[in-house]
PDB file of N, CA and C in Angstrom:
ATOM      1  N   UNK A   1     -62.341  70.444 105.068  1.00  0.00           N
ATOM      2  CA  UNK A   1     -62.829  69.297 105.821  1.00  0.00           C
ATOM      3  C   UNK A   1     -64.336  69.189 105.606  1.00  0.00           C
ATOM      4  N   UNK A   2     -64.821  67.999 105.416  1.00  0.00           N
ATOM      5  CA  UNK A   2     -66.228  67.752 105.131  1.00  0.00           C
ATOM      6  C   UNK A   2     -67.042  67.693 106.417  1.00  0.00           C
ATOM      7  N   UNK A   3     -68.280  68.140 106.346  1.00  0.00           N
ATOM      8  CA  UNK A   3     -69.201  68.047 107.474  1.00  0.00           C
ATOM      9  C   UNK A   3     -70.066  66.799 107.409  1.00  0.00           C
ATOM     10  N   UNK A   4     -69.815  65.931 106.443  1.00  0.00           N
ATOM     11  CA  UNK A   4     -70.619  64.720 106.322  1.00  0.00           C
ATOM     12  C   UNK A   4     -70.281  63.758 107.455  1.00  0.00           C
ATOM     13  N   UNK A   5     -71.280  62.995 107.900  1.00  0.00           N
ATOM     14  CA  UNK A   5     -71.045  62.047 109.000  1.00  0.00           C
ATOM     15  C   UNK A   5     -70.052  60.965 108.606  1.00  0.00           C
ATOM     16  N   UNK A   6     -69.351  60.469 109.594  1.00  0.00           N
ATOM     17  CA  UNK A   6     -68.400  59.384 109.408  1.00  0.00           C
ATOM     18  C   UNK A   6     -69.188  58.100 109.105  1.00  0.00           C
ATOM     19  N   UNK A   7     -68.969  57.484 107.938  1.00  0.00           N
ATOM     20  CA  UNK A   7     -69.739  56.274 107.594  1.00  0.00           C
ATOM     21  C   UNK A   7     -69.436  55.089 108.508  1.00  0.00           C
ATOM     22  N   UNK A   8     -68.373  55.163 109.280  1.00  0.00           N
ATOM     23  CA  UNK A   8     -68.024  54.068 110.181  1.00  0.00           C
ATOM     24  C   UNK A   8     -68.671  54.245 111.554  1.00  0.00           C
ATOM     25  N   UNK A   9     -69.418  55.322 111.738  1.00  0.00           N
ATOM     26  CA  UNK A   9     -70.071  55.599 113.016  1.00  0.00           C
ATOM     27  C   UNK A   9     -71.551  55.829 112.799  1.00  0.00           C
ATOM     28  N   UNK A  10     -72.324  55.578 113.809  1.00  0.00           N
ATOM     29  CA  UNK A  10     -73.762  55.837 113.812  1.00  0.00           C
ATOM     30  C   UNK A  10     -74.059  56.839 114.916  1.00  0.00           C
ATOM     31  N   UNK A  11     -74.961  57.759 114.643  1.00  0.00           N
ATOM     32  CA  UNK A  11     -75.367  58.748 115.641  1.00  0.00           C
ATOM     33  C   UNK A  11     -76.604  58.229 116.355  1.00  0.00           C
ATOM     34  N   UNK A  12     -76.671  58.473 117.660  1.00  0.00           N
ATOM     35  CA  UNK A  12     -77.762  57.993 118.479  1.00  0.00           C
ATOM     36  C   UNK A  12     -78.316  59.148 119.303  1.00  0.00           C
ATOM     37  N   UNK A  13     -79.623  59.313 119.283  1.00  0.00           N
ATOM     38  CA  UNK A  13     -80.296  60.296 120.124  1.00  0.00           C
ATOM     39  C   UNK A  13     -80.830  59.527 121.324  1.00  0.00           C
ATOM     40  N   UNK A  14     -80.452  59.922 122.533  1.00  0.00           N
ATOM     41  CA  UNK A  14     -80.718  59.129 123.721  1.00  0.00           C
ATOM     42  C   UNK A  14     -81.491  59.945 124.746  1.00  0.00           C
ATOM     43  N   UNK A  15     -82.590  59.397 125.257  1.00  0.00           N
ATOM     44  CA  UNK A  15     -83.352  60.021 126.340  1.00  0.00           C
ATOM     45  C   UNK A  15     -82.977  59.334 127.644  1.00  0.00           C
ATOM     46  N   UNK A  16     -82.580  60.121 128.634  1.00  0.00           N
ATOM     47  CA  UNK A  16     -82.230  59.597 129.949  1.00  0.00           C
ATOM     48  C   UNK A  16     -83.062  60.279 131.017  1.00  0.00           C
ATOM     49  N   UNK A  17     -83.330  59.569 132.106  1.00  0.00           N
ATOM     50  CA  UNK A  17     -83.963  60.212 133.251  1.00  0.00           C
ATOM     51  C   UNK A  17     -82.953  61.212 133.824  1.00  0.00           C
ATOM     52  N   UNK A  18     -83.441  62.136 134.627  1.00  0.00           N
ATOM     53  CA  UNK A  18     -82.532  63.100 135.260  1.00  0.00           C
ATOM     54  C   UNK A  18     -81.479  62.386 136.090  1.00  0.00           C
ATOM     55  N   UNK A  19     -81.896  61.341 136.807  1.00  0.00           N
ATOM     56  CA  UNK A  19     -80.957  60.595 137.646  1.00  0.00           C
ATOM     57  C   UNK A  19     -79.876  59.915 136.804  1.00  0.00           C
ATOM     58  N   UNK A  20     -80.289  59.260 135.724  1.00  0.00           N
ATOM     59  CA  UNK A  20     -79.316  58.590 134.859  1.00  0.00           C
ATOM     60  C   UNK A  20     -78.354  59.599 134.231  1.00  0.00           C
ATOM     61  N   UNK A  21     -78.880  60.754 133.839  1.00  0.00           N
ATOM     62  CA  UNK A  21     -78.024  61.796 133.255  1.00  0.00           C
ATOM     63  C   UNK A  21     -77.009  62.289 134.283  1.00  0.00           C
ATOM     64  N   UNK A  22     -77.455  62.478 135.522  1.00  0.00           N
ATOM     65  CA  UNK A  22     -76.540  62.926 136.580  1.00  0.00           C
ATOM     66  C   UNK A  22     -75.449  61.892 136.839  1.00  0.00           C
ATOM     67  N   UNK A  23     -75.815  60.621 136.815  1.00  0.00           N
ATOM     68  CA  UNK A  23     -74.823  59.560 136.993  1.00  0.00           C
ATOM     69  C   UNK A  23     -73.814  59.588 135.848  1.00  0.00           C
ATOM     70  N   UNK A  24     -74.305  59.701 134.625  1.00  0.00           N
ATOM     71  CA  UNK A  24     -73.420  59.763 133.461  1.00  0.00           C
ATOM     72  C   UNK A  24     -72.494  60.972 133.551  1.00  0.00           C
ATOM     73  N   UNK A  25     -73.037  62.117 133.945  1.00  0.00           N
ATOM     74  CA  UNK A  25     -72.233  63.333 134.076  1.00  0.00           C
ATOM     75  C   UNK A  25     -71.162  63.154 135.150  1.00  0.00           C
ATOM     76  N   UNK A  26     -71.532  62.554 136.279  1.00  0.00           N
ATOM     77  CA  UNK A  26     -70.590  62.329 137.379  1.00  0.00           C
ATOM     78  C   UNK A  26     -69.448  61.411 136.934  1.00  0.00           C
ATOM     79  N   UNK A  27     -69.800  60.312 136.286  1.00  0.00           N
ATOM     80  CA  UNK A  27     -68.769  59.381 135.801  1.00  0.00           C
ATOM     81  C   UNK A  27     -67.867  60.085 134.788  1.00  0.00           C
ATOM     82  N   UNK A  28     -68.466  60.844 133.918  1.00  0.00           N
ATOM     83  CA  UNK A  28     -67.716  61.587 132.902  1.00  0.00           C
ATOM     84  C   UNK A  28     -66.731  62.548 133.559  1.00  0.00           C
ATOM     85  N   UNK A  29     -67.222  63.311 134.515  1.00  0.00           N
ATOM     86  CA  UNK A  29     -66.364  64.289 135.209  1.00  0.00           C
ATOM     87  C   UNK A  29     -65.224  63.604 135.965  1.00  0.00           C
ATOM     88  N   UNK A  30     -65.560  62.528 136.684  1.00  0.00           N
ATOM     89  CA  UNK A  30     -64.562  61.848 137.513  1.00  0.00           C
ATOM     90  C   UNK A  30     -63.537  61.073 136.692  1.00  0.00           C
ATOM     91  N   UNK A  31     -63.923  60.627 135.512  1.00  0.00           N
ATOM     92  CA  UNK A  31     -63.013  59.825 134.692  1.00  0.00           C
ATOM     93  C   UNK A  31     -62.275  60.668 133.655  1.00  0.00           C
ATOM     94  N   UNK A  32     -62.651  61.935 133.551  1.00  0.00           N
ATOM     95  CA  UNK A  32     -62.068  62.837 132.552  1.00  0.00           C
ATOM     96  C   UNK A  32     -62.279  62.308 131.137  1.00  0.00           C
ATOM     97  N   UNK A  33     -63.453  61.664 130.938  1.00  0.00           N
ATOM     98  CA  UNK A  33     -63.856  61.181 129.619  1.00  0.00           C
ATOM     99  C   UNK A  33     -65.163  61.865 129.263  1.00  0.00           C
ATOM    100  N   UNK A  34     -65.406  62.062 127.973  1.00  0.00           N
ATOM    101  CA  UNK A  34     -66.693  62.640 127.611  1.00  0.00           C
ATOM    102  C   UNK A  34     -67.778  61.574 127.743  1.00  0.00           C
ATOM    103  N   UNK A  35     -69.012  62.019 127.697  1.00  0.00           N
ATOM    104  CA  UNK A  35     -70.136  61.094 127.912  1.00  0.00           C
ATOM    105  C   UNK A  35     -70.167  59.975 126.882  1.00  0.00           C
ATOM    106  N   UNK A  36     -69.811  60.279 125.650  1.00  0.00           N
ATOM    107  CA  UNK A  36     -69.794  59.235 124.617  1.00  0.00           C
ATOM    108  C   UNK A  36     -68.773  58.159 124.955  1.00  0.00           C
ATOM    109  N   UNK A  37     -67.605  58.565 125.444  1.00  0.00           N
ATOM    110  CA  UNK A  37     -66.574  57.581 125.818  1.00  0.00           C
ATOM    111  C   UNK A  37     -67.053  56.721 126.984  1.00  0.00           C
ATOM    112  N   UNK A  38     -67.725  57.347 127.950  1.00  0.00           N
ATOM    113  CA  UNK A  38     -68.249  56.598 129.093  1.00  0.00           C
ATOM    114  C   UNK A  38     -69.276  55.565 128.621  1.00  0.00           C
ATOM    115  N   UNK A  39     -70.175  55.979 127.735  1.00  0.00           N
ATOM    116  CA  UNK A  39     -71.188  55.051 127.225  1.00  0.00           C
ATOM    117  C   UNK A  39     -70.574  53.937 126.395  1.00  0.00           C
ATOM    118  N   UNK A  40     -69.538  54.235 125.607  1.00  0.00           N
ATOM    119  CA  UNK A  40     -68.872  53.179 124.830  1.00  0.00           C
ATOM    120  C   UNK A  40     -68.190  52.177 125.755  1.00  0.00           C
ATOM    121  N   UNK A  41     -67.570  52.669 126.835  1.00  0.00           N
ATOM    122  CA  UNK A  41     -66.933  51.777 127.804  1.00  0.00           C
ATOM    123  C   UNK A  41     -67.979  50.916 128.505  1.00  0.00           C
ATOM    124  N   UNK A  42     -69.090  51.530 128.894  1.00  0.00           N
ATOM    125  CA  UNK A  42     -70.169  50.786 129.545  1.00  0.00           C
ATOM    126  C   UNK A  42     -70.724  49.704 128.615  1.00  0.00           C
ATOM    127  N   UNK A  43     -70.878  50.039 127.344  1.00  0.00           N
ATOM    128  CA  UNK A  43     -71.371  49.071 126.367  1.00  0.00           C
ATOM    129  C   UNK A  43     -70.395  47.901 126.224  1.00  0.00           C
ATOM    130  N   UNK A  44     -69.112  48.183 126.212  1.00  0.00           N
ATOM    131  CA  UNK A  44     -68.102  47.121 126.107  1.00  0.00           C
ATOM    132  C   UNK A  44     -68.157  46.198 127.324  1.00  0.00           C
ATOM    133  N   UNK A  45     -68.300  46.783 128.516  1.00  0.00           N
ATOM    134  CA  UNK A  45     -68.383  45.979 129.736  1.00  0.00           C
ATOM    135  C   UNK A  45     -69.664  45.142 129.735  1.00  0.00           C
ATOM    136  N   UNK A  46     -70.753  45.738 129.322  1.00  0.00           N
ATOM    137  CA  UNK A  46     -72.033  45.012 129.243  1.00  0.00           C
ATOM    138  C   UNK A  46     -71.917  43.843 128.266  1.00  0.00           C
ATOM    139  N   UNK A  47     -71.256  44.066 127.155  1.00  0.00           N
ATOM    140  CA  UNK A  47     -71.062  43.007 126.168  1.00  0.00           C
ATOM    141  C   UNK A  47     -70.257  41.851 126.761  1.00  0.00           C
ATOM    142  N   UNK A  48     -69.218  42.158 127.508  1.00  0.00           N
ATOM    143  CA  UNK A  48     -68.423  41.119 128.172  1.00  0.00           C
ATOM    144  C   UNK A  48     -69.307  40.336 129.145  1.00  0.00           C
ATOM    145  N   UNK A  49     -70.120  41.052 129.927  1.00  0.00           N
ATOM    146  CA  UNK A  49     -71.007  40.391 130.888  1.00  0.00           C
ATOM    147  C   UNK A  49     -71.975  39.454 130.176  1.00  0.00           C
ATOM    148  N   UNK A  50     -72.529  39.892 129.069  1.00  0.00           N
ATOM    149  CA  UNK A  50     -73.462  39.059 128.305  1.00  0.00           C
ATOM    150  C   UNK A  50     -72.770  37.818 127.751  1.00  0.00           C
ATOM    151  N   UNK A  51     -71.584  37.995 127.190  1.00  0.00           N
ATOM    152  CA  UNK A  51     -70.845  36.865 126.630  1.00  0.00           C
ATOM    153  C   UNK A  51     -70.487  35.851 127.721  1.00  0.00           C
ATOM    154  N   UNK A  52     -70.086  36.333 128.881  1.00  0.00           N
ATOM    155  CA  UNK A  52     -69.735  35.423 129.978  1.00  0.00           C
ATOM    156  C   UNK A  52     -70.970  34.728 130.533  1.00  0.00           C
ATOM    157  N   UNK A  53     -72.105  35.423 130.569  1.00  0.00           N
ATOM    158  CA  UNK A  53     -73.348  34.820 131.033  1.00  0.00           C
ATOM    159  C   UNK A  53     -73.727  33.643 130.142  1.00  0.00           C
ATOM    160  N   UNK A  54     -73.522  33.779 128.835  1.00  0.00           N
ATOM    161  CA  UNK A  54     -73.813  32.689 127.897  1.00  0.00           C
ATOM    162  C   UNK A  54     -72.970  31.457 128.199  1.00  0.00           C
ATOM    163  N   UNK A  55     -71.789  31.663 128.773  1.00  0.00           N
ATOM    164  CA  UNK A  55     -70.885  30.557 129.113  1.00  0.00           C
ATOM    165  C   UNK A  55     -71.125  30.044 130.533  1.00  0.00           C
ATOM    166  N   UNK A  56     -72.140  30.604 131.197  1.00  0.00           N
ATOM    167  CA  UNK A  56     -72.429  30.178 132.567  1.00  0.00           C
ATOM    168  C   UNK A  56     -71.526  30.814 133.595  1.00  0.00           C
ATOM    169  N   UNK A  57     -70.880  31.906 133.234  1.00  0.00           N
ATOM    170  CA  UNK A  57     -69.961  32.602 134.133  1.00  0.00           C
ATOM    171  C   UNK A  57     -70.574  33.916 134.593  1.00  0.00           C
ATOM    172  N   UNK A  58     -69.962  34.503 135.631  1.00  0.00           N
ATOM    173  CA  UNK A  58     -70.393  35.795 136.140  1.00  0.00           C
ATOM    174  C   UNK A  58     -69.188  36.718 136.247  1.00  0.00           C
ATOM    175  N   UNK A  59     -69.459  38.001 136.178  1.00  0.00           N
ATOM    176  CA  UNK A  59     -68.430  38.993 136.465  1.00  0.00           C
ATOM    177  C   UNK A  59     -68.618  39.429 137.907  1.00  0.00           C
ATOM    178  N   UNK A  60     -67.513  39.671 138.607  1.00  0.00           N
ATOM    179  CA  UNK A  60     -67.616  40.044 140.013  1.00  0.00           C
ATOM    180  C   UNK A  60     -66.529  41.038 140.389  1.00  0.00           C
ATOM    181  N   UNK A  61     -66.807  41.773 141.449  1.00  0.00           N
ATOM    182  CA  UNK A  61     -65.809  42.640 142.074  1.00  0.00           C
ATOM    183  C   UNK A  61     -65.196  41.814 143.196  1.00  0.00           C
ATOM    184  N   UNK A  62     -63.879  41.632 143.146  1.00  0.00           N
ATOM    185  CA  UNK A  62     -63.193  40.797 144.132  1.00  0.00           C
ATOM    186  C   UNK A  62     -62.122  41.622 144.829  1.00  0.00           C
ATOM    187  N   UNK A  63     -62.100  41.506 146.152  1.00  0.00           N
ATOM    188  CA  UNK A  63     -61.086  42.185 146.950  1.00  0.00           C
ATOM    189  C   UNK A  63     -60.510  41.180 147.932  1.00  0.00           C
ATOM    190  N   UNK A  64     -59.202  41.020 147.915  1.00  0.00           N
ATOM    191  CA  UNK A  64     -58.528  40.070 148.809  1.00  0.00           C
ATOM    192  C   UNK A  64     -59.173  38.684 148.743  1.00  0.00           C
ATOM    193  N   UNK A  65     -59.364  38.197 147.540  1.00  0.00           N
ATOM    194  CA  UNK A  65     -59.957  36.880 147.281  1.00  0.00           C
ATOM    195  C   UNK A  65     -61.381  36.732 147.800  1.00  0.00           C
ATOM    196  N   UNK A  66     -62.041  37.819 148.121  1.00  0.00           N
ATOM    197  CA  UNK A  66     -63.423  37.781 148.587  1.00  0.00           C
ATOM    198  C   UNK A  66     -64.315  38.498 147.571  1.00  0.00           C
ATOM    199  N   UNK A  67     -65.398  37.837 147.178  1.00  0.00           N
ATOM    200  CA  UNK A  67     -66.337  38.448 146.241  1.00  0.00           C
ATOM    201  C   UNK A  67     -67.106  39.541 146.972  1.00  0.00           C
ATOM    202  N   UNK A  68     -66.961  40.754 146.495  1.00  0.00           N
ATOM    203  CA  UNK A  68     -67.656  41.895 147.091  1.00  0.00           C
ATOM    204  C   UNK A  68     -68.994  42.150 146.413  1.00  0.00           C
ATOM    205  N   UNK A  69     -69.040  41.927 145.113  1.00  0.00           N
ATOM    206  CA  UNK A  69     -70.280  42.180 144.382  1.00  0.00           C
ATOM    207  C   UNK A  69     -70.267  41.386 143.094  1.00  0.00           C
ATOM    208  N   UNK A  70     -71.355  40.694 142.822  1.00  0.00           N
ATOM    209  CA  UNK A  70     -71.503  39.993 141.546  1.00  0.00           C
ATOM    210  C   UNK A  70     -72.233  40.924 140.595  1.00  0.00           C
ATOM    211  N   UNK A  71     -71.680  41.067 139.415  1.00  0.00           N
ATOM    212  CA  UNK A  71     -72.280  41.923 138.397  1.00  0.00           C
ATOM    213  C   UNK A  71     -73.169  41.038 137.531  1.00  0.00           C
ATOM    214  N   UNK A  72     -74.449  41.269 137.612  1.00  0.00           N
ATOM    215  CA  UNK A  72     -75.414  40.460 136.891  1.00  0.00           C
ATOM    216  C   UNK A  72     -75.901  41.248 135.691  1.00  0.00           C
ATOM    217  N   UNK A  73     -75.846  40.654 134.520  1.00  0.00           N
ATOM    218  CA  UNK A  73     -76.378  41.317 133.345  1.00  0.00           C
ATOM    219  C   UNK A  73     -77.848  40.991 133.216  1.00  0.00           C
ATOM    220  N   UNK A  74     -78.668  42.022 133.037  1.00  0.00           N
ATOM    221  CA  UNK A  74     -80.118  41.805 132.960  1.00  0.00           C
ATOM    222  C   UNK A  74     -80.520  41.003 131.737  1.00  0.00           C
TER     223      UNK A  74
END
C-alpha cells in the first residue's frame, strides 16, 4: 500500500481556539464521528445555508410548526 496522499483529497492544517476545539471534540464524541467527519458535515450544512441565502431563504429549527431558531449564515 502506498503512503502517497490521495489525489482526490486535500490536507488542511487548522488552528482553532481552545473553545472551538472543545466544541469540535464534544460534537465528535457525542456523534461518534471523527473530527474530520464533523467538519465535513458542518461544511455541507454551511454550503446549504449559503445557497439558500442566495435564493432569499433561511434555514431554521422548527418544532411543532414554531420557529425556534433561524440559522443565519455569516
